[in-house]
Amino acid sequence: MNCHVHEFDAREAGSFRVSLMYDAAGGTGKTSANTDTYHGRFVKLVADNQVVEAVEFETTDPALQGEMLITTTLVDADGGTDVRIEYDGLPRGVSAADNAIGTRMALVKLAELVESG
């Protein structure tokens, strides 16, 4: 996937809007044929510890609508940091298994970026 950040105001109550575009043919987007666009706001920001976001997909599909909270917590670990992500209110049309796979894929890319310096 490729990402386009339309808006990003990183402060509590600040808002953001992001589009994720599928590279591969056959990707099914929530907003359009190959795009997931979502918007939200930062509910809580604790430096070096936690980010809580309220997020909503931009879609006409009722099964994909509704606000979900995503809580990302950083925890000290031997030789590094554990990243824990919890989803509350995942829309009923989003497979928990697919969501977990996507989250793991994003964390692998984040680790590659951080570890490359």
C-alpha atoms as a PDB file:
ATOM      1  CA  MET A   1       0.000   0.000   0.000  1.00  0.00           C
ATOM      2  CA  ASN A   2       0.953   3.616  -0.452  1.00  0.00           C
ATOM      3  CA  CYS A   3      -0.092   6.338   1.922  1.00  0.00           C
ATOM      4  CA  HIS A   4      -1.133   9.959   1.428  1.00  0.00           C
ATOM      5  CA  VAL A   5      -1.449  12.157   4.518  1.00  0.00           C
ATOM      6  CA  HIS A   6      -3.996  14.893   3.809  1.00  0.00           C
ATOM      7  CA  GLU A   7      -3.949  16.450   7.276  1.00  0.00           C
ATOM      8  CA  PHE A   8      -1.959  15.768  10.466  1.00  0.00           C
ATOM      9  CA  ASP A   9      -2.152  17.974  13.578  1.00  0.00           C
ATOM     10  CA  ALA A  10      -0.263  15.961  16.214  1.00  0.00           C
ATOM     11  CA  ARG A  11      -1.636  17.366  19.469  1.00  0.00           C
ATOM     12  CA  GLU A  12      -4.442  16.340  21.786  1.00  0.00           C
ATOM     13  CA  ALA A  13      -7.721  17.163  20.010  1.00  0.00           C
ATOM     14  CA  GLY A  14      -5.732  17.639  16.790  1.00  0.00           C
ATOM     15  CA  SER A  15      -7.136  15.979  13.699  1.00  0.00           C
ATOM     16  CA  PHE A  16      -5.777  13.881  10.870  1.00  0.00           C
ATOM     17  CA  ARG A  17      -6.937  12.440   7.548  1.00  0.00           C
ATOM     18  CA  VAL A  18      -5.119   9.693   5.661  1.00  0.00           C
ATOM     19  CA  SER A  19      -5.659   7.650   2.492  1.00  0.00           C
ATOM     20  CA  LEU A  20      -4.134   4.208   1.964  1.00  0.00           C
ATOM     21  CA  MET A  21      -4.017   3.021  -1.647  1.00  0.00           C
ATOM     22  CA  TYR A  22      -3.636  -0.643  -2.596  1.00  0.00           C
ATOM     23  CA  ASP A  23      -0.767  -1.327  -5.021  1.00  0.00           C
ATOM     24  CA  ALA A  24      -1.841  -4.820  -6.023  1.00  0.00           C
ATOM     25  CA  ALA A  25      -4.780  -5.517  -8.266  1.00  0.00           C
ATOM     26  CA  GLY A  26      -7.695  -6.963  -6.381  1.00  0.00           C
ATOM     27  CA  GLY A  27      -7.249  -4.832  -3.258  1.00  0.00           C
ATOM     28  CA  THR A  28     -10.686  -3.887  -2.006  1.00  0.00           C
ATOM     29  CA  GLY A  29     -10.890  -0.428  -0.496  1.00  0.00           C
ATOM     30  CA  LYS A  30     -13.382   0.773   2.079  1.00  0.00           C
ATOM     31  CA  THR A  31     -13.764   4.222   0.506  1.00  0.00           C
ATOM     32  CA  SER A  32     -13.327   3.434  -3.193  1.00  0.00           C
ATOM     33  CA  ALA A  33     -12.207   0.491  -5.326  1.00  0.00           C
ATOM     34  CA  ASN A  34      -8.594   0.621  -4.147  1.00  0.00           C
ATOM     35  CA  THR A  35      -8.512   3.211  -1.356  1.00  0.00           C
ATOM     36  CA  ASP A  36      -9.150   3.330   2.372  1.00  0.00           C
ATOM     37  CA  THR A  37      -9.547   6.905   3.590  1.00  0.00           C
ATOM     38  CA  TYR A  38     -10.033   7.575   7.272  1.00  0.00           C
ATOM     39  CA  HIS A  39     -10.059  10.581   9.537  1.00  0.00           C
ATOM     40  CA  GLY A  40      -9.856  11.084  13.247  1.00  0.00           C
ATOM     41  CA  ARG A  41      -8.487  12.970  16.173  1.00  0.00           C
ATOM     42  CA  PHE A  42      -5.882  12.472  18.859  1.00  0.00           C
ATOM     43  CA  VAL A  43      -7.682  11.760  22.120  1.00  0.00           C
ATOM     44  CA  LYS A  44      -4.582  11.385  24.294  1.00  0.00           C
ATOM     45  CA  LEU A  45      -0.854  11.873  23.713  1.00  0.00           C
ATOM     46  CA  VAL A  46       1.663  10.899  26.389  1.00  0.00           C
ATOM     47  CA  ALA A  47       5.221  11.541  25.220  1.00  0.00           C
ATOM     48  CA  ASP A  48       7.284   8.366  24.781  1.00  0.00           C
ATOM     49  CA  ASN A  49       4.421   6.239  26.153  1.00  0.00           C
ATOM     50  CA  GLN A  50       0.974   6.303  24.585  1.00  0.00           C
ATOM     51  CA  VAL A  51      -1.185   7.549  21.711  1.00  0.00           C
ATOM     52  CA  VAL A  52      -4.974   7.195  21.723  1.00  0.00           C
ATOM     53  CA  GLU A  53      -6.761   7.961  18.454  1.00  0.00           C
ATOM     54  CA  ALA A  54     -10.456   8.085  17.566  1.00  0.00           C
ATOM     55  CA  VAL A  55     -10.707   6.919  13.943  1.00  0.00           C
ATOM     56  CA  GLU A  56     -13.506   6.580  11.385  1.00  0.00           C
ATOM     57  CA  PHE A  57     -13.410   5.211   7.842  1.00  0.00           C
ATOM     58  CA  GLU A  58     -14.869   7.436   5.134  1.00  0.00           C
ATOM     59  CA  THR A  59     -17.349   5.012   3.603  1.00  0.00           C
ATOM     60  CA  THR A  60     -20.986   4.600   2.681  1.00  0.00           C
ATOM     61  CA  ASP A  61     -20.975   0.948   3.832  1.00  0.00           C
ATOM     62  CA  PRO A  62     -22.811   0.755   7.197  1.00  0.00           C
ATOM     63  CA  ALA A  63     -20.753  -2.313   8.180  1.00  0.00           C
ATOM     64  CA  LEU A  64     -17.572  -0.222   8.016  1.00  0.00           C
ATOM     65  CA  GLN A  65     -18.905   2.930   9.680  1.00  0.00           C
ATOM     66  CA  GLY A  66     -18.494   4.040  13.266  1.00  0.00           C
ATOM     67  CA  GLU A  67     -15.759   5.416  15.424  1.00  0.00           C
ATOM     68  CA  MET A  68     -13.111   3.120  16.866  1.00  0.00           C
ATOM     69  CA  LEU A  69     -10.440   3.890  19.411  1.00  0.00           C
ATOM     70  CA  ILE A  70      -6.886   2.800  18.723  1.00  0.00           C
ATOM     71  CA  THR A  71      -4.549   2.805  21.716  1.00  0.00           C
ATOM     72  CA  THR A  72      -0.835   2.443  21.007  1.00  0.00           C
ATOM     73  CA  THR A  73       1.363   1.941  24.062  1.00  0.00           C
ATOM     74  CA  LEU A  74       5.167   1.762  24.161  1.00  0.00           C
ATOM     75  CA  VAL A  75       6.679  -0.487  26.847  1.00  0.00           C
ATOM     76  CA  ASP A  76      10.368  -0.844  27.716  1.00  0.00           C
ATOM     77  CA  ALA A  77      11.695  -4.297  26.848  1.00  0.00           C
ATOM     78  CA  ASP A  78      15.082  -6.008  26.876  1.00  0.00           C
ATOM     79  CA  GLY A  79      17.122  -4.277  24.227  1.00  0.00           C
ATOM     80  CA  GLY A  80      14.273  -2.205  22.849  1.00  0.00           C
ATOM     81  CA  THR A  81      10.618  -1.302  23.029  1.00  0.00           C
ATOM     82  CA  ASP A  82       7.455  -3.355  22.737  1.00  0.00           C
ATOM     83  CA  VAL A  83       4.613  -1.725  20.807  1.00  0.00           C
ATOM     84  CA  ARG A  84       1.126  -2.744  21.921  1.00  0.00           C
ATOM     85  CA  ILE A  85      -1.888  -1.740  19.880  1.00  0.00           C
ATOM     86  CA  GLU A  86      -5.474  -2.242  21.023  1.00  0.00           C
ATOM     87  CA  TYR A  87      -8.613  -1.619  18.974  1.00  0.00           C
ATOM     88  CA  ASP A  88     -11.926  -0.801  20.631  1.00  0.00           C
ATOM     89  CA  GLY A  89     -15.004  -0.617  18.433  1.00  0.00           C
ATOM     90  CA  LEU A  90     -13.579  -2.229  15.297  1.00  0.00           C
ATOM     91  CA  PRO A  91     -16.395  -1.920  12.717  1.00  0.00           C
ATOM     92  CA  ARG A  92     -18.292  -5.195  12.245  1.00  0.00           C
ATOM     93  CA  GLY A  93     -17.322  -5.259   8.558  1.00  0.00           C
ATOM     94  CA  VAL A  94     -13.596  -5.350   9.366  1.00  0.00           C
ATOM     95  CA  SER A  95     -12.222  -8.821   9.969  1.00  0.00           C
ATOM     96  CA  ALA A  96     -10.285  -8.951  13.247  1.00  0.00           C
ATOM     97  CA  ALA A  97      -7.851 -11.387  11.622  1.00  0.00           C
ATOM     98  CA  ASP A  98      -7.258  -9.090   8.611  1.00  0.00           C
ATOM     99  CA  ASN A  99      -6.866  -6.132  10.965  1.00  0.00           C
ATOM    100  CA  ALA A 100      -4.256  -8.046  12.988  1.00  0.00           C
ATOM    101  CA  ILE A 101      -2.341  -8.983   9.813  1.00  0.00           C
ATOM    102  CA  GLY A 102      -2.359  -5.371   8.610  1.00  0.00           C
ATOM    103  CA  THR A 103      -1.175  -4.157  12.005  1.00  0.00           C
ATOM    104  CA  ARG A 104       1.682  -6.681  12.045  1.00  0.00           C
ATOM    105  CA  MET A 105       2.703  -5.680   8.516  1.00  0.00           C
ATOM    106  CA  ALA A 106       2.762  -1.999   9.501  1.00  0.00           C
ATOM    107  CA  LEU A 107       4.834  -2.758  12.614  1.00  0.00           C
ATOM    108  CA  VAL A 108       7.375  -4.719  10.547  1.00  0.00           C
ATOM    109  CA  LYS A 109       7.763  -1.720   8.234  1.00  0.00           C
ATOM    110  CA  LEU A 110       8.082   0.599  11.251  1.00  0.00           C
ATOM    111  CA  ALA A 111      10.804  -1.632  12.741  1.00  0.00           C
ATOM    112  CA  GLU A 112      12.683  -1.627   9.424  1.00  0.00           C
ATOM    113  CA  LEU A 113      12.532   2.164   9.295  1.00  0.00           C
ATOM    114  CA  VAL A 114      13.604   2.663  12.917  1.00  0.00           C
ATOM    115  CA  GLU A 115      16.371   0.064  12.781  1.00  0.00           C
ATOM    116  CA  SER A 116      17.810   1.495   9.554  1.00  0.00           C
ATOM    117  CA  GLY A 117      18.672   4.686  11.418  1.00  0.00           C
END
